[in-house]
Amino acid sequence: MKIVCVPVGPLQANCYLVSDGEGRTCAIDPGGEPERLAAIVEQRGLTLTHILLTHGHIDHLGGVAELARATGALVGCARDTAPMLRAPDRYVPFPGFEGVPGREPDLVLKEGDVVRKMKGMWAVIETPGHSPGCLTYEAGGSLFCGDLLFYRSVGRTDFPGGDFNTLVASVQKLIDRYPPSTQVFPGHMQATTLGDEMRANPFLTGLVPRG
């Protein structure tokens, strides 16, 4: 599995282009600059088969409609994210991000689903807290968690539908399910591991694997 991180848009949200050994590629959270992302896919000789959203905030879905149109990729998200994808302008939290085209999801995903169209499988994990429709995707033993968990921080919970206790419970869910060495690729900033965040993240004091 090859992972290319491309920070996009004014908030520099991380879009991940994750490819299998045959060049079939999934884009996680193309939040902007769809032309640039499509060009990277073409230049690297990749085939974009899927676009998966961790949640519905505009800095993570702003480039979805145009990238899907350019590549023919299928778009997947949670049920609670689908309204934001269909009508992004209705959910813009502050000025300057209007005018984003909407898109109907091809796949409405939930806990336990597996995306199988690429070589290998993508497991879907519901991890609410930052927003109601937050998903984490596991592929090749790595986690793509959007704005749930950051390097030494966690996602904001002051947007509609956010809740800090729910967010911490979602992080605990990942800690219980995966070993400390598991790589975490967040929606902003650098990659980390579950173990590093259990040890040094001030928002996760006291979290340890159960059982």
Protein backbone atom coordinates (compact mmCIF):
# COMPACT_ATOMS: atom_id res chain seq x y z
CA MET A 1 0.00 0.00 0.00
CA LYS A 2 1.34 3.41 -1.00
CA ILE A 3 0.12 6.58 0.72
CA VAL A 4 0.52 10.10 -0.67
CA CYS A 5 -0.61 12.97 1.58
CA VAL A 6 -1.71 16.11 -0.27
CA PRO A 7 -2.76 19.03 1.96
CA VAL A 8 -5.46 20.97 0.08
CA GLY A 9 -7.53 24.12 0.40
CA PRO A 10 -7.11 27.18 2.63
CA LEU A 11 -7.28 25.07 5.80
CA GLN A 12 -4.72 22.57 4.44
CA ALA A 13 -6.81 19.48 5.16
CA ASN A 14 -4.94 16.27 4.40
CA CYS A 15 -6.21 14.40 1.36
CA TYR A 16 -4.73 10.90 1.21
CA LEU A 17 -4.24 9.07 -2.07
CA VAL A 18 -3.92 5.43 -1.06
CA SER A 19 -2.94 2.96 -3.79
CA ASP A 20 -2.74 -0.81 -3.94
CA GLY A 21 0.01 -2.69 -5.77
CA GLU A 22 -1.78 -2.35 -9.10
CA GLY A 23 -2.33 1.41 -8.98
CA ARG A 24 -5.99 1.32 -7.94
CA THR A 25 -6.39 4.29 -5.66
CA CYS A 26 -8.74 5.65 -3.03
CA ALA A 27 -8.86 9.36 -2.15
CA ILE A 28 -9.70 10.12 1.47
CA ASP A 29 -11.21 13.58 2.07
CA PRO A 30 -10.46 15.58 -1.09
CA GLY A 31 -11.36 18.87 0.53
CA GLY A 32 -10.32 21.14 -2.34
CA GLU A 33 -8.10 21.60 -5.40
CA PRO A 34 -9.74 18.79 -7.39
CA GLU A 35 -7.84 19.68 -10.57
CA ARG A 36 -4.54 19.34 -8.74
CA LEU A 37 -5.56 16.00 -7.25
CA ALA A 38 -6.73 14.68 -10.63
CA ALA A 39 -3.41 15.77 -12.15
CA ILE A 40 -1.44 13.90 -9.47
CA VAL A 41 -3.49 10.77 -10.10
CA GLU A 42 -2.83 11.02 -13.85
CA GLN A 43 0.87 11.86 -13.51
CA ARG A 44 1.45 8.82 -11.28
CA GLY A 45 -0.45 6.50 -13.62
CA LEU A 46 -3.08 5.70 -10.98
CA THR A 47 -6.74 4.79 -11.34
CA LEU A 48 -8.99 6.51 -8.82
CA THR A 49 -11.75 4.04 -7.98
CA HIS A 50 -13.14 5.48 -4.73
CA ILE A 51 -13.49 8.71 -2.82
CA LEU A 52 -14.21 8.12 0.87
CA LEU A 53 -15.21 10.84 3.33
CA THR A 54 -14.45 10.75 7.03
CA HIS A 55 -17.03 13.49 7.70
CA GLY A 56 -18.95 16.31 6.08
CA HIS A 57 -17.12 19.51 6.94
CA ILE A 58 -16.42 21.67 3.93
CA ASP A 59 -12.61 21.49 4.18
CA HIS A 60 -12.87 17.72 3.73
CA LEU A 61 -15.46 17.44 0.95
CA GLY A 62 -14.97 20.62 -1.08
CA GLY A 63 -13.34 18.84 -4.02
CA VAL A 64 -15.44 15.68 -4.08
CA ALA A 65 -17.97 16.48 -6.82
CA GLU A 66 -15.42 17.73 -9.35
CA LEU A 67 -12.87 14.99 -8.62
CA ALA A 68 -15.56 12.32 -8.97
CA ARG A 69 -16.71 13.81 -12.26
CA ALA A 70 -13.15 13.94 -13.60
CA THR A 71 -12.25 10.37 -12.63
CA GLY A 72 -15.49 8.40 -12.41
CA ALA A 73 -14.67 7.35 -8.84
CA LEU A 74 -17.43 6.13 -6.53
CA VAL A 75 -18.13 8.34 -3.51
CA GLY A 76 -18.79 6.86 -0.07
CA CYS A 77 -19.76 8.50 3.22
CA ALA A 78 -21.88 7.98 6.34
CA ARG A 79 -25.63 8.54 6.34
CA ASP A 80 -25.28 11.70 8.48
CA THR A 81 -22.65 13.07 6.09
CA ALA A 82 -24.77 12.57 2.97
CA PRO A 83 -26.89 15.76 3.42
CA MET A 84 -23.72 17.83 3.70
CA LEU A 85 -22.36 16.24 0.54
CA ARG A 86 -25.60 16.88 -1.36
CA ALA A 87 -25.84 20.57 -0.36
CA PRO A 88 -22.48 21.78 1.01
CA ASP A 89 -23.41 25.47 1.08
CA ARG A 90 -26.12 24.81 3.68
CA TYR A 91 -23.47 23.67 6.16
CA VAL A 92 -20.68 26.23 5.74
CA PRO A 93 -19.75 27.35 9.29
CA PHE A 94 -18.09 30.63 8.28
CA PRO A 95 -17.85 32.90 5.19
CA GLY A 96 -15.51 32.26 2.32
CA PHE A 97 -16.24 28.61 1.58
CA GLU A 98 -19.48 28.96 -0.38
CA GLY A 99 -20.06 27.82 -3.94
CA VAL A 100 -19.05 24.17 -3.55
CA PRO A 101 -20.99 21.81 -5.86
CA GLY A 102 -22.95 18.98 -4.28
CA ARG A 103 -22.86 15.29 -5.09
CA GLU A 104 -25.08 12.32 -4.33
CA PRO A 105 -23.11 9.54 -2.57
CA ASP A 106 -22.80 6.23 -4.37
CA LEU A 107 -22.16 4.33 -1.12
CA VAL A 108 -23.76 5.08 2.24
CA LEU A 109 -21.45 3.44 4.76
CA LYS A 110 -21.89 2.26 8.34
CA GLU A 111 -20.06 0.38 11.07
CA GLY A 112 -18.85 -3.01 9.88
CA ASP A 113 -19.08 -2.30 6.17
CA VAL A 114 -16.14 -3.27 3.99
CA VAL A 115 -15.21 -1.51 0.75
CA ARG A 116 -13.91 -4.25 -1.55
CA LYS A 117 -13.49 -2.68 -4.97
CA MET A 118 -9.75 -2.19 -4.54
CA LYS A 119 -7.17 -4.90 -3.96
CA GLY A 120 -7.47 -5.48 -0.23
CA MET A 121 -10.32 -4.28 1.96
CA TRP A 122 -11.25 -1.04 3.68
CA ALA A 123 -13.01 -1.52 7.02
CA VAL A 124 -15.52 1.14 8.09
CA ILE A 125 -15.60 2.20 11.76
CA GLU A 126 -18.10 4.70 13.16
CA THR A 127 -16.21 7.24 15.30
CA PRO A 128 -18.54 10.16 16.10
CA GLY A 129 -17.68 13.10 18.33
CA HIS A 130 -16.21 15.70 16.01
CA SER A 131 -19.42 15.51 13.98
CA PRO A 132 -22.29 12.98 13.91
CA GLY A 133 -21.27 11.22 10.71
CA CYS A 134 -17.59 10.69 11.41
CA LEU A 135 -16.03 7.51 10.05
CA THR A 136 -12.57 6.05 10.41
CA TYR A 137 -11.24 3.76 7.69
CA GLU A 138 -8.77 0.95 8.31
CA ALA A 139 -6.67 -0.31 5.43
CA GLY A 140 -3.48 -2.32 5.57
CA GLY A 141 -3.34 -1.91 9.34
CA SER A 142 -3.41 1.90 9.19
CA LEU A 143 -6.21 4.23 10.31
CA PHE A 144 -7.52 7.25 8.42
CA CYS A 145 -9.52 9.13 11.03
CA GLY A 146 -10.28 12.60 9.67
CA ASP A 147 -10.62 15.13 12.49
CA LEU A 148 -11.17 12.62 15.29
CA LEU A 149 -7.57 12.48 16.47
CA PHE A 150 -4.52 14.62 15.71
CA TYR A 151 -0.87 14.60 16.71
CA ARG A 152 -1.07 15.66 20.37
CA SER A 153 -4.60 16.96 19.94
CA VAL A 154 -8.15 16.01 19.01
CA GLY A 155 -10.84 17.44 16.75
CA ARG A 156 -13.02 20.39 17.68
CA THR A 157 -16.34 19.57 19.30
CA ASP A 158 -17.97 23.03 19.20
CA PHE A 159 -19.55 22.59 15.76
CA PRO A 160 -23.14 21.32 15.54
CA GLY A 161 -23.33 17.67 16.57
CA GLY A 162 -19.92 17.65 18.25
CA ASP A 163 -19.44 16.20 21.72
CA PHE A 164 -16.15 15.79 23.56
CA ASN A 165 -17.12 12.75 25.62
CA THR A 166 -18.38 10.99 22.49
CA LEU A 167 -15.13 11.82 20.71
CA VAL A 168 -13.02 10.38 23.54
CA ALA A 169 -15.18 7.23 23.53
CA SER A 170 -14.51 6.88 19.80
CA VAL A 171 -10.76 7.15 20.36
CA GLN A 172 -11.07 4.53 23.11
CA LYS A 173 -12.85 2.29 20.62
CA LEU A 174 -9.82 2.44 18.30
CA ILE A 175 -7.41 1.86 21.19
CA ASP A 176 -9.36 -1.24 22.21
CA ARG A 177 -9.42 -2.58 18.68
CA TYR A 178 -5.90 -1.90 17.37
CA PRO A 179 -2.35 -2.25 18.77
CA PRO A 180 -0.37 0.79 20.00
CA SER A 181 1.91 0.62 16.97
CA THR A 182 -1.01 1.32 14.60
CA GLN A 183 -0.32 4.28 12.34
CA VAL A 184 -2.89 7.07 12.39
CA PHE A 185 -3.28 9.40 9.42
CA PRO A 186 -5.29 12.43 10.58
CA GLY A 187 -7.20 15.11 8.70
CA HIS A 188 -4.66 17.80 9.58
CA MET A 189 -1.02 17.85 10.65
CA GLN A 190 1.38 14.92 10.73
CA ALA A 191 0.85 11.19 11.09
CA THR A 192 1.17 9.55 14.49
CA THR A 193 0.44 6.24 16.24
CA LEU A 194 -2.19 5.21 18.75
CA GLY A 195 0.54 4.43 21.29
CA ASP A 196 2.18 7.84 20.96
CA GLU A 197 -1.15 9.57 21.52
CA MET A 198 -2.03 7.40 24.54
CA ARG A 199 1.34 8.37 26.00
CA ALA A 200 1.59 12.07 25.19
CA ASN A 201 -1.77 13.50 24.03
CA PRO A 202 -3.06 15.78 26.84
CA PHE A 203 -6.67 15.27 25.74
CA LEU A 204 -6.49 11.49 26.19
CA THR A 205 -5.18 11.26 29.75
CA GLY A 206 -6.03 7.93 31.29
CA LEU A 207 -6.98 6.08 28.11
CA VAL A 208 -5.56 2.55 28.00
CA PRO A 209 -6.54 -0.59 26.08
CA ARG A 210 -9.34 -2.53 27.78
CA GLY A 211 -9.04 -6.26 28.17
